């Protein structure tokens, strides 16, 4: 079950960009523009990646049309369901049973076409990230790797510089990969996840599940 409304923290990147400041201070002046370009492309790639993660996390909200009068109720219901999902995830073996939600407090309004439009717009941004920003970062990183090997620095200083650069690259790549995790799930997959959340975290969910199946055109 994917995490929902719990997004990965980007605070560890503060360490990476603290490293980047030290890198700039110690690199030879004539090589600095290449490093600056790499840092900027890393920032752009991370910005797009973070934006995509946030949009993907809202995919269950996108199952209801933006123009629907029921949108607020739908979003609130989704939020409450997945708070229970995440509560169970974080519970220990000795934790008390998680209280279920009353069925009459859950109001979902599903529309396949609305979800498809959200997926279409998302995939435009994803394609730009994968074809532009991510490759630009990889190219800039490779350029720094090549230049540093040939630049004139004391051996000890170069080793220290390379160590710091490896820390920066490792932390950036850890946040940018795997790209497969950014793919927008199929309608059927998201319906299945939402159905499981209802089944497990709603009191006497049978009637709610019946209307759920009808509204999404899906059979158990």
N, C-alpha and C. Protein backbone atom coordinates (compact mmCIF):
# COMPACT_ATOMS: atom_id res chain seq x y z
N UNK A 1 0.85 -1.20 0.00
CA UNK A 1 0.00 0.00 0.00
C UNK A 1 0.89 1.24 0.00
N UNK A 2 0.76 2.08 -0.99
CA UNK A 2 1.64 3.26 -1.05
C UNK A 2 1.32 4.27 0.04
N UNK A 3 2.32 4.97 0.46
CA UNK A 3 2.10 6.04 1.43
C UNK A 3 1.33 7.17 0.76
N UNK A 4 0.43 7.77 1.51
CA UNK A 4 -0.37 8.87 0.96
C UNK A 4 -0.36 10.01 1.96
N UNK A 5 -0.21 11.23 1.46
CA UNK A 5 -0.13 12.41 2.31
C UNK A 5 1.06 12.35 3.26
N UNK A 6 2.01 11.47 3.03
CA UNK A 6 3.26 11.47 3.77
C UNK A 6 4.36 11.51 2.73
N UNK A 7 5.00 12.64 2.62
CA UNK A 7 5.96 12.83 1.55
C UNK A 7 7.37 12.76 2.08
N UNK A 8 8.25 12.28 1.24
CA UNK A 8 9.64 12.13 1.64
C UNK A 8 10.25 13.47 2.02
N UNK A 9 10.99 13.47 3.11
CA UNK A 9 11.62 14.72 3.56
C UNK A 9 12.84 15.03 2.70
N UNK A 10 12.99 16.30 2.36
CA UNK A 10 14.14 16.73 1.58
C UNK A 10 15.20 17.39 2.46
N UNK A 11 15.01 17.31 3.78
CA UNK A 11 15.97 17.94 4.67
C UNK A 11 17.40 17.39 4.51
N UNK A 12 17.61 16.07 4.22
CA UNK A 12 18.98 15.59 4.04
C UNK A 12 19.75 16.33 2.96
N UNK A 13 19.04 16.94 1.99
CA UNK A 13 19.74 17.66 0.94
C UNK A 13 20.42 18.92 1.46
N UNK A 14 20.03 19.38 2.64
CA UNK A 14 20.74 20.52 3.21
C UNK A 14 22.22 20.17 3.38
N UNK A 15 22.49 18.92 3.74
CA UNK A 15 23.88 18.48 3.88
C UNK A 15 24.58 18.50 2.52
N UNK A 16 23.87 18.05 1.50
CA UNK A 16 24.47 18.04 0.17
C UNK A 16 24.82 19.44 -0.29
N UNK A 17 23.93 20.39 -0.06
CA UNK A 17 24.20 21.75 -0.53
C UNK A 17 25.17 22.49 0.38
N UNK A 18 25.30 22.04 1.63
CA UNK A 18 26.39 22.56 2.46
C UNK A 18 27.72 22.10 1.89
N UNK A 19 27.76 20.85 1.42
CA UNK A 19 28.95 20.34 0.74
C UNK A 19 29.22 21.16 -0.51
N UNK A 20 28.16 21.53 -1.24
CA UNK A 20 28.37 22.27 -2.48
C UNK A 20 29.06 23.60 -2.25
N UNK A 21 28.77 24.24 -1.13
CA UNK A 21 29.44 25.51 -0.83
C UNK A 21 30.93 25.30 -0.60
N UNK A 22 31.27 24.21 0.07
CA UNK A 22 32.70 23.93 0.28
C UNK A 22 33.37 23.60 -1.05
N UNK A 23 32.66 22.91 -1.92
CA UNK A 23 33.21 22.59 -3.23
C UNK A 23 33.54 23.86 -4.01
N UNK A 24 32.64 24.82 -3.98
CA UNK A 24 32.87 26.06 -4.71
C UNK A 24 34.05 26.84 -4.14
N UNK A 25 34.23 26.75 -2.83
CA UNK A 25 35.32 27.50 -2.19
C UNK A 25 36.69 26.95 -2.55
N UNK A 26 36.75 25.65 -2.89
CA UNK A 26 38.06 25.02 -3.07
C UNK A 26 38.41 24.71 -4.52
N UNK A 27 37.45 24.78 -5.43
CA UNK A 27 37.75 24.45 -6.82
C UNK A 27 38.52 25.61 -7.46
N UNK A 28 39.45 25.32 -8.37
CA UNK A 28 40.16 26.40 -9.08
C UNK A 28 39.18 27.32 -9.81
N UNK A 29 39.52 28.61 -9.84
CA UNK A 29 38.61 29.62 -10.40
C UNK A 29 38.18 29.29 -11.83
N UNK A 30 39.11 28.79 -12.64
CA UNK A 30 38.78 28.56 -14.04
C UNK A 30 37.83 27.37 -14.24
N UNK A 31 37.71 26.52 -13.22
CA UNK A 31 36.80 25.37 -13.32
C UNK A 31 35.46 25.64 -12.64
N UNK A 32 35.36 26.76 -11.96
CA UNK A 32 34.16 27.02 -11.16
C UNK A 32 32.87 27.09 -11.99
N UNK A 33 32.86 27.69 -13.19
CA UNK A 33 31.61 27.75 -13.96
C UNK A 33 31.00 26.38 -14.25
N UNK A 34 31.85 25.39 -14.51
CA UNK A 34 31.34 24.04 -14.79
C UNK A 34 30.66 23.46 -13.56
N UNK A 35 31.26 23.69 -12.40
CA UNK A 35 30.66 23.20 -11.16
C UNK A 35 29.36 23.93 -10.86
N UNK A 36 29.35 25.25 -11.08
CA UNK A 36 28.12 26.02 -10.83
C UNK A 36 26.99 25.49 -11.71
N UNK A 37 27.30 25.18 -12.96
CA UNK A 37 26.26 24.64 -13.85
C UNK A 37 25.73 23.31 -13.31
N UNK A 38 26.63 22.47 -12.81
CA UNK A 38 26.19 21.18 -12.26
C UNK A 38 25.28 21.38 -11.05
N UNK A 39 25.64 22.33 -10.20
CA UNK A 39 24.82 22.59 -9.01
C UNK A 39 23.44 23.11 -9.40
N UNK A 40 23.42 23.97 -10.41
CA UNK A 40 22.13 24.52 -10.86
C UNK A 40 21.25 23.45 -11.49
N UNK A 41 21.84 22.60 -12.32
CA UNK A 41 21.04 21.55 -12.95
C UNK A 41 20.56 20.54 -11.92
N UNK A 42 21.36 20.29 -10.89
CA UNK A 42 20.90 19.42 -9.80
C UNK A 42 19.68 20.03 -9.12
N UNK A 43 19.76 21.33 -8.86
CA UNK A 43 18.64 22.02 -8.22
C UNK A 43 17.38 21.96 -9.07
N UNK A 44 17.52 22.16 -10.39
CA UNK A 44 16.35 22.09 -11.28
C UNK A 44 15.74 20.70 -11.31
N UNK A 45 16.61 19.68 -11.40
CA UNK A 45 16.11 18.31 -11.43
C UNK A 45 15.39 17.95 -10.13
N UNK A 46 15.96 18.38 -9.01
CA UNK A 46 15.33 18.11 -7.72
C UNK A 46 14.00 18.84 -7.59
N UNK A 47 13.95 20.05 -8.10
CA UNK A 47 12.70 20.83 -8.04
C UNK A 47 11.59 20.11 -8.81
N UNK A 48 11.90 19.65 -10.02
CA UNK A 48 10.89 18.95 -10.81
C UNK A 48 10.51 17.63 -10.17
N UNK A 49 11.50 16.91 -9.65
CA UNK A 49 11.23 15.62 -9.01
C UNK A 49 10.30 15.80 -7.82
N UNK A 50 10.59 16.80 -7.01
CA UNK A 50 9.77 17.07 -5.83
C UNK A 50 8.35 17.45 -6.24
N UNK A 51 8.22 18.27 -7.27
CA UNK A 51 6.91 18.67 -7.76
C UNK A 51 6.11 17.46 -8.25
N UNK A 52 6.78 16.56 -8.95
CA UNK A 52 6.11 15.36 -9.44
C UNK A 52 5.66 14.46 -8.30
N UNK A 53 6.50 14.31 -7.29
CA UNK A 53 6.12 13.49 -6.14
C UNK A 53 4.86 14.05 -5.47
N UNK A 54 4.82 15.36 -5.33
CA UNK A 54 3.65 15.98 -4.68
C UNK A 54 2.39 15.79 -5.51
N UNK A 55 2.51 15.94 -6.83
CA UNK A 55 1.34 15.76 -7.69
C UNK A 55 0.89 14.30 -7.70
N UNK A 56 1.85 13.39 -7.72
CA UNK A 56 1.49 11.96 -7.70
C UNK A 56 0.79 11.59 -6.40
N UNK A 57 1.22 12.20 -5.30
CA UNK A 57 0.61 11.91 -4.00
C UNK A 57 -0.84 12.36 -3.94
N UNK A 58 -1.22 13.29 -4.83
CA UNK A 58 -2.60 13.80 -4.85
C UNK A 58 -3.48 13.07 -5.86
N UNK A 59 -3.02 11.92 -6.35
CA UNK A 59 -3.75 11.25 -7.43
C UNK A 59 -5.15 10.80 -7.01
N UNK A 60 -5.35 10.47 -5.74
CA UNK A 60 -6.68 10.05 -5.31
C UNK A 60 -7.64 11.24 -5.28
N UNK A 61 -7.12 12.42 -4.99
CA UNK A 61 -7.95 13.62 -5.09
C UNK A 61 -8.41 13.83 -6.53
N UNK A 62 -7.52 13.49 -7.47
CA UNK A 62 -7.81 13.71 -8.89
C UNK A 62 -8.87 12.77 -9.44
N UNK A 63 -9.31 11.81 -8.64
CA UNK A 63 -10.38 10.91 -9.09
C UNK A 63 -11.72 11.62 -9.13
N UNK A 64 -11.81 12.79 -8.50
CA UNK A 64 -13.04 13.60 -8.51
C UNK A 64 -12.78 14.84 -9.38
N UNK A 65 -13.69 15.19 -10.27
CA UNK A 65 -13.47 16.37 -11.13
C UNK A 65 -13.29 17.65 -10.31
N UNK A 66 -12.43 18.52 -10.79
CA UNK A 66 -12.18 19.80 -10.10
C UNK A 66 -13.44 20.65 -10.00
N UNK A 67 -14.34 20.50 -10.97
CA UNK A 67 -15.54 21.34 -11.01
C UNK A 67 -16.69 20.77 -10.19
N UNK A 68 -16.49 19.60 -9.62
CA UNK A 68 -17.57 18.95 -8.87
C UNK A 68 -17.88 19.70 -7.58
N UNK A 69 -19.17 19.81 -7.27
CA UNK A 69 -19.57 20.41 -6.00
C UNK A 69 -19.20 19.52 -4.82
N UNK A 70 -18.89 18.26 -5.12
CA UNK A 70 -18.55 17.30 -4.07
C UNK A 70 -17.04 17.18 -3.85
N UNK A 71 -16.26 18.03 -4.51
CA UNK A 71 -14.80 17.88 -4.45
C UNK A 71 -14.27 17.97 -3.03
N UNK A 72 -14.72 18.94 -2.25
CA UNK A 72 -14.21 19.10 -0.89
C UNK A 72 -14.51 17.88 -0.03
N UNK A 73 -15.72 17.34 -0.17
CA UNK A 73 -16.08 16.14 0.59
C UNK A 73 -15.22 14.95 0.17
N UNK A 74 -14.99 14.84 -1.12
CA UNK A 74 -14.15 13.75 -1.64
C UNK A 74 -12.73 13.84 -1.08
N UNK A 75 -12.14 15.02 -1.18
CA UNK A 75 -10.76 15.20 -0.70
C UNK A 75 -10.65 14.92 0.79
N UNK A 76 -11.61 15.41 1.56
CA UNK A 76 -11.59 15.18 3.00
C UNK A 76 -11.74 13.69 3.31
N UNK A 77 -12.58 12.99 2.57
CA UNK A 77 -12.77 11.56 2.79
C UNK A 77 -11.51 10.78 2.47
N UNK A 78 -10.88 11.12 1.35
CA UNK A 78 -9.62 10.47 0.97
C UNK A 78 -8.56 10.72 2.04
N UNK A 79 -8.49 11.94 2.51
CA UNK A 79 -7.51 12.30 3.54
C UNK A 79 -7.72 11.45 4.80
N UNK A 80 -8.95 11.31 5.23
CA UNK A 80 -9.24 10.56 6.45
C UNK A 80 -8.92 9.08 6.27
N UNK A 81 -9.25 8.53 5.11
CA UNK A 81 -8.96 7.12 4.85
C UNK A 81 -7.47 6.84 4.92
N UNK A 82 -6.68 7.69 4.27
CA UNK A 82 -5.25 7.39 4.21
C UNK A 82 -4.50 7.83 5.45
N UNK A 83 -5.10 8.66 6.26
CA UNK A 83 -4.54 8.88 7.59
C UNK A 83 -4.59 7.58 8.38
N UNK A 84 -5.67 6.82 8.21
CA UNK A 84 -5.78 5.52 8.87
C UNK A 84 -4.78 4.52 8.29
N UNK A 85 -4.61 4.55 6.97
CA UNK A 85 -3.63 3.67 6.34
C UNK A 85 -2.24 3.93 6.89
N UNK A 86 -1.86 5.20 6.96
CA UNK A 86 -0.53 5.55 7.45
C UNK A 86 -0.39 5.32 8.94
N UNK A 87 -1.49 5.48 9.67
CA UNK A 87 -1.47 5.19 11.11
C UNK A 87 -1.17 3.71 11.33
N UNK A 88 -1.78 2.85 10.53
CA UNK A 88 -1.51 1.42 10.66
C UNK A 88 -0.07 1.10 10.29
N UNK A 89 0.43 1.76 9.27
CA UNK A 89 1.81 1.53 8.85
C UNK A 89 2.81 1.82 9.96
N UNK A 90 2.54 2.88 10.70
CA UNK A 90 3.49 3.31 11.73
C UNK A 90 3.24 2.65 13.07
N UNK A 91 2.16 1.87 13.19
CA UNK A 91 1.84 1.23 14.47
C UNK A 91 2.80 0.08 14.74
N UNK A 92 3.12 -0.10 16.01
CA UNK A 92 3.96 -1.21 16.43
C UNK A 92 3.14 -2.45 16.71
N UNK A 93 3.82 -3.58 16.94
CA UNK A 93 3.09 -4.84 17.19
C UNK A 93 2.22 -4.80 18.44
N UNK A 94 2.56 -3.95 19.40
CA UNK A 94 1.79 -3.87 20.64
C UNK A 94 0.82 -2.70 20.66
N UNK A 95 0.67 -2.03 19.54
CA UNK A 95 -0.23 -0.87 19.49
C UNK A 95 -1.69 -1.33 19.58
N UNK A 96 -2.55 -0.52 20.17
CA UNK A 96 -3.98 -0.88 20.23
C UNK A 96 -4.59 -0.87 18.83
N UNK A 97 -5.73 -1.56 18.66
CA UNK A 97 -6.39 -1.57 17.35
C UNK A 97 -6.72 -0.14 16.89
N UNK A 98 -6.62 0.07 15.61
CA UNK A 98 -6.90 1.39 15.05
C UNK A 98 -8.41 1.55 14.88
N UNK A 99 -8.94 2.64 15.41
CA UNK A 99 -10.38 2.88 15.33
C UNK A 99 -10.80 3.09 13.88
N UNK A 100 -11.91 2.45 13.51
CA UNK A 100 -12.40 2.55 12.14
C UNK A 100 -13.30 3.78 11.97
N UNK A 101 -13.45 4.18 10.72
CA UNK A 101 -14.25 5.35 10.39
C UNK A 101 -15.71 4.96 10.16
N UNK A 102 -16.65 5.74 10.65
CA UNK A 102 -18.06 5.48 10.33
C UNK A 102 -18.30 5.61 8.83
N UNK A 103 -19.05 4.69 8.28
CA UNK A 103 -19.28 4.68 6.83
C UNK A 103 -19.95 5.96 6.33
N UNK A 104 -20.81 6.55 7.18
CA UNK A 104 -21.54 7.74 6.72
C UNK A 104 -20.69 9.01 6.73
N UNK A 105 -19.42 8.88 7.12
CA UNK A 105 -18.52 10.04 7.07
C UNK A 105 -17.64 10.04 5.82
N UNK A 106 -17.76 8.99 5.00
CA UNK A 106 -16.93 8.86 3.80
C UNK A 106 -17.79 9.12 2.57
N UNK A 107 -17.41 10.15 1.82
CA UNK A 107 -18.17 10.56 0.64
C UNK A 107 -17.21 10.67 -0.54
N UNK A 108 -17.15 9.61 -1.33
CA UNK A 108 -16.24 9.57 -2.47
C UNK A 108 -17.03 9.77 -3.76
N UNK A 109 -16.44 10.51 -4.68
CA UNK A 109 -17.09 10.80 -5.96
C UNK A 109 -16.05 10.59 -7.06
N UNK A 110 -16.18 9.45 -7.75
CA UNK A 110 -15.14 9.01 -8.66
C UNK A 110 -15.53 9.24 -10.12
N UNK A 111 -14.53 9.64 -10.91
CA UNK A 111 -14.76 9.91 -12.32
C UNK A 111 -13.51 9.51 -13.09
N UNK A 112 -13.67 8.47 -13.92
CA UNK A 112 -12.53 7.93 -14.66
C UNK A 112 -11.92 8.98 -15.58
N UNK A 113 -12.76 9.77 -16.23
CA UNK A 113 -12.27 10.77 -17.18
C UNK A 113 -11.43 11.84 -16.47
N UNK A 114 -11.87 12.26 -15.29
CA UNK A 114 -11.11 13.27 -14.53
C UNK A 114 -9.73 12.73 -14.17
N UNK A 115 -9.68 11.47 -13.77
CA UNK A 115 -8.40 10.86 -13.42
C UNK A 115 -7.49 10.77 -14.65
N UNK A 116 -8.09 10.41 -15.78
CA UNK A 116 -7.31 10.32 -17.01
C UNK A 116 -6.72 11.66 -17.42
N UNK A 117 -7.48 12.74 -17.23
CA UNK A 117 -6.97 14.08 -17.56
C UNK A 117 -5.84 14.47 -16.62
N UNK A 118 -5.98 14.13 -15.34
CA UNK A 118 -4.90 14.41 -14.39
C UNK A 118 -3.64 13.65 -14.77
N UNK A 119 -3.81 12.39 -15.19
CA UNK A 119 -2.67 11.59 -15.61
C UNK A 119 -2.01 12.18 -16.85
N UNK A 120 -2.82 12.67 -17.79
CA UNK A 120 -2.28 13.27 -19.02
C UNK A 120 -1.41 14.49 -18.70
N UNK A 121 -1.92 15.38 -17.88
CA UNK A 121 -1.17 16.58 -17.52
C UNK A 121 0.09 16.23 -16.73
N UNK A 122 -0.03 15.27 -15.84
CA UNK A 122 1.12 14.83 -15.06
C UNK A 122 2.21 14.27 -15.98
N UNK A 123 1.80 13.47 -16.94
CA UNK A 123 2.79 12.82 -17.81
C UNK A 123 3.51 13.82 -18.71
N UNK A 124 2.89 14.95 -19.00
CA UNK A 124 3.59 16.01 -19.74
C UNK A 124 4.78 16.52 -18.91
N UNK A 125 4.52 16.77 -17.63
CA UNK A 125 5.59 17.25 -16.74
C UNK A 125 6.64 16.16 -16.53
N UNK A 126 6.19 14.92 -16.36
CA UNK A 126 7.13 13.81 -16.16
C UNK A 126 8.04 13.65 -17.38
N UNK A 127 7.47 13.75 -18.57
CA UNK A 127 8.27 13.62 -19.79
C UNK A 127 9.33 14.73 -19.86
N UNK A 128 8.94 15.93 -19.51
CA UNK A 128 9.91 17.04 -19.53
C UNK A 128 11.03 16.78 -18.53
N UNK A 129 10.68 16.28 -17.36
CA UNK A 129 11.70 15.97 -16.36
C UNK A 129 12.66 14.90 -16.88
N UNK A 130 12.12 13.83 -17.47
CA UNK A 130 12.95 12.69 -17.88
C UNK A 130 13.74 12.98 -19.15
N UNK A 131 13.24 13.89 -19.98
CA UNK A 131 13.92 14.17 -21.25
C UNK A 131 14.78 15.43 -21.21
N UNK A 132 14.56 16.28 -20.21
CA UNK A 132 15.30 17.55 -20.15
C UNK A 132 16.10 17.67 -18.86
N UNK A 133 15.42 17.80 -17.74
CA UNK A 133 16.10 18.18 -16.50
C UNK A 133 16.98 17.07 -15.93
N UNK A 134 16.51 15.85 -15.94
CA UNK A 134 17.33 14.76 -15.42
C UNK A 134 18.56 14.51 -16.30
N UNK A 135 18.42 14.42 -17.64
CA UNK A 135 19.62 14.27 -18.48
C UNK A 135 20.58 15.46 -18.37
N UNK A 136 20.05 16.68 -18.21
CA UNK A 136 20.94 17.84 -18.05
C UNK A 136 21.80 17.70 -16.81
N UNK A 137 21.20 17.21 -15.73
CA UNK A 137 21.98 17.00 -14.50
C UNK A 137 23.04 15.93 -14.73
N UNK A 138 22.69 14.82 -15.36
CA UNK A 138 23.67 13.75 -15.59
C UNK A 138 24.82 14.25 -16.46
N UNK A 139 24.50 15.03 -17.50
CA UNK A 139 25.55 15.57 -18.35
C UNK A 139 26.46 16.53 -17.61
N UNK A 140 25.87 17.39 -16.79
CA UNK A 140 26.68 18.34 -16.02
C UNK A 140 27.54 17.62 -15.00
N UNK A 141 27.00 16.58 -14.39
CA UNK A 141 27.77 15.79 -13.42
C UNK A 141 28.98 15.14 -14.11
N UNK A 142 28.75 14.56 -15.28
CA UNK A 142 29.84 13.91 -16.01
C UNK A 142 30.91 14.93 -16.41
N UNK A 143 30.49 16.15 -16.76
CA UNK A 143 31.45 17.19 -17.12
C UNK A 143 32.34 17.53 -15.94
N UNK A 144 31.76 17.63 -14.76
CA UNK A 144 32.56 17.90 -13.56
C UNK A 144 33.52 16.76 -13.30
N UNK A 145 33.04 15.52 -13.43
CA UNK A 145 33.91 14.36 -13.21
C UNK A 145 35.14 14.42 -14.11
N UNK A 146 34.93 14.78 -15.38
CA UNK A 146 36.05 14.82 -16.32
C UNK A 146 37.01 15.95 -16.00
N UNK A 147 36.46 17.11 -15.68
CA UNK A 147 37.30 18.29 -15.45
C UNK A 147 38.14 18.13 -14.20
N UNK A 148 37.54 17.60 -13.15
CA UNK A 148 38.26 17.50 -11.88
C UNK A 148 39.46 16.58 -11.98
N UNK A 149 39.34 15.54 -12.79
CA UNK A 149 40.47 14.64 -12.95
C UNK A 149 41.69 15.35 -13.54
N UNK A 150 41.46 16.37 -14.36
CA UNK A 150 42.55 17.04 -15.06
C UNK A 150 42.95 18.37 -14.44
N UNK A 151 42.18 18.87 -13.47
CA UNK A 151 42.50 20.19 -12.95
C UNK A 151 43.73 20.14 -12.05
N UNK A 152 44.41 21.28 -11.94
CA UNK A 152 45.64 21.36 -11.16
C UNK A 152 45.32 21.68 -9.71
N UNK A 153 45.44 20.67 -8.88
CA UNK A 153 45.24 20.82 -7.44
C UNK A 153 46.25 19.93 -6.74
N UNK A 154 46.57 20.31 -5.53
CA UNK A 154 47.42 19.44 -4.73
C UNK A 154 46.72 18.09 -4.54
N UNK A 155 47.47 16.98 -4.57
CA UNK A 155 46.84 15.65 -4.46
C UNK A 155 45.92 15.51 -3.25
N UNK A 156 46.36 16.00 -2.10
CA UNK A 156 45.52 15.87 -0.90
C UNK A 156 44.24 16.70 -1.04
N UNK A 157 44.39 17.90 -1.61
CA UNK A 157 43.22 18.76 -1.80
C UNK A 157 42.26 18.15 -2.82
N UNK A 158 42.82 17.53 -3.86
CA UNK A 158 41.96 16.91 -4.87
C UNK A 158 41.20 15.73 -4.28
N UNK A 159 41.88 14.92 -3.46
CA UNK A 159 41.20 13.78 -2.84
C UNK A 159 40.05 14.25 -1.96
N UNK A 160 40.32 15.31 -1.18
CA UNK A 160 39.27 15.83 -0.31
C UNK A 160 38.11 16.38 -1.15
N UNK A 161 38.45 17.08 -2.24
CA UNK A 161 37.43 17.64 -3.11
C UNK A 161 36.57 16.53 -3.71
N UNK A 162 37.22 15.47 -4.19
CA UNK A 162 36.49 14.35 -4.79
C UNK A 162 35.59 13.66 -3.77
N UNK A 163 36.08 13.55 -2.54
CA UNK A 163 35.25 12.94 -1.48
C UNK A 163 33.99 13.76 -1.25
N UNK A 164 34.16 15.09 -1.20
CA UNK A 164 33.01 15.96 -0.99
C UNK A 164 32.05 15.91 -2.19
N UNK A 165 32.59 15.86 -3.38
CA UNK A 165 31.77 15.78 -4.59
C UNK A 165 30.97 14.47 -4.61
N UNK A 166 31.59 13.38 -4.21
CA UNK A 166 30.89 12.09 -4.18
C UNK A 166 29.73 12.12 -3.19
N UNK A 167 29.92 12.81 -2.06
CA UNK A 167 28.83 12.94 -1.09
C UNK A 167 27.66 13.69 -1.72
N UNK A 168 27.99 14.79 -2.39
CA UNK A 168 26.94 15.59 -3.03
C UNK A 168 26.19 14.77 -4.08
N UNK A 169 26.93 14.11 -4.96
CA UNK A 169 26.30 13.33 -6.04
C UNK A 169 25.44 12.21 -5.46
N UNK A 170 25.96 11.51 -4.46
CA UNK A 170 25.22 10.39 -3.88
C UNK A 170 23.89 10.84 -3.29
N UNK A 171 23.89 11.98 -2.60
CA UNK A 171 22.65 12.44 -1.97
C UNK A 171 21.66 12.94 -3.02
N UNK A 172 22.15 13.60 -4.05
CA UNK A 172 21.25 14.04 -5.11
C UNK A 172 20.64 12.83 -5.83
N UNK A 173 21.47 11.85 -6.19
CA UNK A 173 20.97 10.69 -6.91
C UNK A 173 20.01 9.87 -6.06
N UNK A 174 20.24 9.84 -4.76
CA UNK A 174 19.34 9.11 -3.87
C UNK A 174 17.93 9.68 -3.93
N UNK A 175 17.83 10.99 -4.13
CA UNK A 175 16.51 11.64 -4.18
C UNK A 175 15.91 11.61 -5.58
N UNK A 176 16.74 11.41 -6.60
CA UNK A 176 16.23 11.45 -7.97
C UNK A 176 15.88 10.08 -8.53
N UNK A 177 16.24 9.01 -7.84
CA UNK A 177 16.00 7.67 -8.37
C UNK A 177 15.28 6.84 -7.33
N UNK A 178 14.58 5.77 -7.74
CA UNK A 178 14.39 5.36 -9.14
C UNK A 178 13.28 6.15 -9.82
N UNK A 179 13.47 6.44 -11.08
CA UNK A 179 12.48 7.21 -11.82
C UNK A 179 11.16 6.45 -11.97
N UNK A 180 11.21 5.11 -11.89
CA UNK A 180 9.99 4.32 -12.01
C UNK A 180 8.97 4.68 -10.93
N UNK A 181 9.45 5.16 -9.79
CA UNK A 181 8.55 5.51 -8.69
C UNK A 181 7.70 6.74 -9.02
N UNK A 182 8.04 7.44 -10.09
CA UNK A 182 7.29 8.64 -10.46
C UNK A 182 6.15 8.36 -11.43
N UNK A 183 6.07 7.14 -11.94
CA UNK A 183 5.02 6.84 -12.91
C UNK A 183 3.63 7.00 -12.28
N UNK A 184 2.71 7.56 -13.03
CA UNK A 184 1.34 7.78 -12.54
C UNK A 184 0.59 6.46 -12.63
N UNK A 185 0.05 5.96 -11.51
CA UNK A 185 -0.61 4.64 -11.53
C UNK A 185 -1.84 4.61 -12.43
N UNK A 186 -2.12 3.44 -12.96
CA UNK A 186 -3.33 3.25 -13.74
C UNK A 186 -4.57 3.44 -12.87
N UNK A 187 -5.66 3.80 -13.51
CA UNK A 187 -6.94 3.97 -12.81
C UNK A 187 -7.28 2.72 -11.99
N UNK A 188 -7.13 1.55 -12.60
CA UNK A 188 -7.48 0.31 -11.91
C UNK A 188 -6.65 0.11 -10.66
N UNK A 189 -5.38 0.48 -10.71
CA UNK A 189 -4.52 0.32 -9.54
C UNK A 189 -4.94 1.26 -8.41
N UNK A 190 -5.24 2.50 -8.75
CA UNK A 190 -5.66 3.45 -7.72
C UNK A 190 -7.02 3.07 -7.13
N UNK A 191 -7.92 2.58 -7.98
CA UNK A 191 -9.21 2.11 -7.48
C UNK A 191 -9.01 0.97 -6.49
N UNK A 192 -8.10 0.04 -6.82
CA UNK A 192 -7.85 -1.08 -5.92
C UNK A 192 -7.28 -0.64 -4.58
N UNK A 193 -6.38 0.33 -4.60
CA UNK A 193 -5.80 0.84 -3.35
C UNK A 193 -6.88 1.50 -2.50
N UNK A 194 -7.72 2.29 -3.14
CA UNK A 194 -8.79 2.98 -2.40
C UNK A 194 -9.80 1.97 -1.85
N UNK A 195 -10.13 0.96 -2.63
CA UNK A 195 -11.05 -0.07 -2.16
C UNK A 195 -10.49 -0.80 -0.94
N UNK A 196 -9.20 -1.12 -0.96
CA UNK A 196 -8.58 -1.79 0.18
C UNK A 196 -8.64 -0.92 1.43
N UNK A 197 -8.44 0.39 1.25
CA UNK A 197 -8.50 1.31 2.39
C UNK A 197 -9.90 1.33 3.00
N UNK A 198 -10.92 1.32 2.14
CA UNK A 198 -12.30 1.29 2.63
C UNK A 198 -12.57 -0.01 3.37
N UNK A 199 -12.18 -1.11 2.77
CA UNK A 199 -12.44 -2.43 3.36
C UNK A 199 -11.83 -2.56 4.74
N UNK A 200 -10.63 -2.03 4.91
CA UNK A 200 -9.90 -2.23 6.16
C UNK A 200 -10.21 -1.19 7.22
N UNK A 201 -10.58 0.01 6.83
CA UNK A 201 -10.63 1.10 7.81
C UNK A 201 -12.01 1.76 7.95
N UNK A 202 -13.04 1.18 7.39
CA UNK A 202 -14.40 1.72 7.53
C UNK A 202 -15.28 0.69 8.23
N UNK A 203 -16.09 1.14 9.17
CA UNK A 203 -17.03 0.26 9.85
C UNK A 203 -18.13 -0.19 8.89
N UNK A 204 -18.41 -1.49 8.92
CA UNK A 204 -19.49 -2.04 8.09
C UNK A 204 -19.47 -1.42 6.68
N UNK A 205 -18.44 -1.73 5.93
CA UNK A 205 -18.22 -1.02 4.66
C UNK A 205 -19.02 -1.55 3.47
N UNK A 206 -19.87 -2.56 3.67
CA UNK A 206 -20.49 -3.25 2.54
C UNK A 206 -21.28 -2.31 1.63
N UNK A 207 -22.15 -1.49 2.21
CA UNK A 207 -22.96 -0.59 1.38
C UNK A 207 -22.08 0.44 0.67
N UNK A 208 -21.11 0.97 1.39
CA UNK A 208 -20.19 1.93 0.79
C UNK A 208 -19.42 1.30 -0.36
N UNK A 209 -19.00 0.04 -0.19
CA UNK A 209 -18.27 -0.64 -1.26
C UNK A 209 -19.16 -0.87 -2.48
N UNK A 210 -20.43 -1.17 -2.25
CA UNK A 210 -21.34 -1.37 -3.38
C UNK A 210 -21.46 -0.11 -4.22
N UNK A 211 -21.67 1.03 -3.57
CA UNK A 211 -21.77 2.29 -4.31
C UNK A 211 -20.42 2.66 -4.93
N UNK A 212 -19.35 2.32 -4.25
CA UNK A 212 -18.00 2.57 -4.76
C UNK A 212 -17.79 1.82 -6.07
N UNK A 213 -18.16 0.53 -6.09
CA UNK A 213 -17.98 -0.28 -7.29
C UNK A 213 -18.80 0.26 -8.46
N UNK A 214 -20.01 0.70 -8.16
CA UNK A 214 -20.87 1.24 -9.22
C UNK A 214 -20.29 2.54 -9.78
N UNK A 215 -19.83 3.41 -8.90
CA UNK A 215 -19.35 4.73 -9.34
C UNK A 215 -18.06 4.65 -10.15
N UNK A 216 -17.24 3.65 -9.85
CA UNK A 216 -15.96 3.56 -10.57
C UNK A 216 -16.01 2.56 -11.71
N UNK A 217 -17.14 1.87 -11.88
CA UNK A 217 -17.25 0.90 -12.95
C UNK A 217 -16.31 -0.26 -12.80
N UNK A 218 -16.13 -0.69 -11.56
CA UNK A 218 -15.13 -1.72 -11.26
C UNK A 218 -15.77 -2.83 -10.47
N UNK A 219 -15.42 -4.08 -10.76
CA UNK A 219 -15.97 -5.22 -10.03
C UNK A 219 -14.91 -5.82 -9.13
N UNK A 220 -15.28 -6.25 -7.91
CA UNK A 220 -14.31 -6.85 -6.99
C UNK A 220 -13.83 -8.19 -7.50
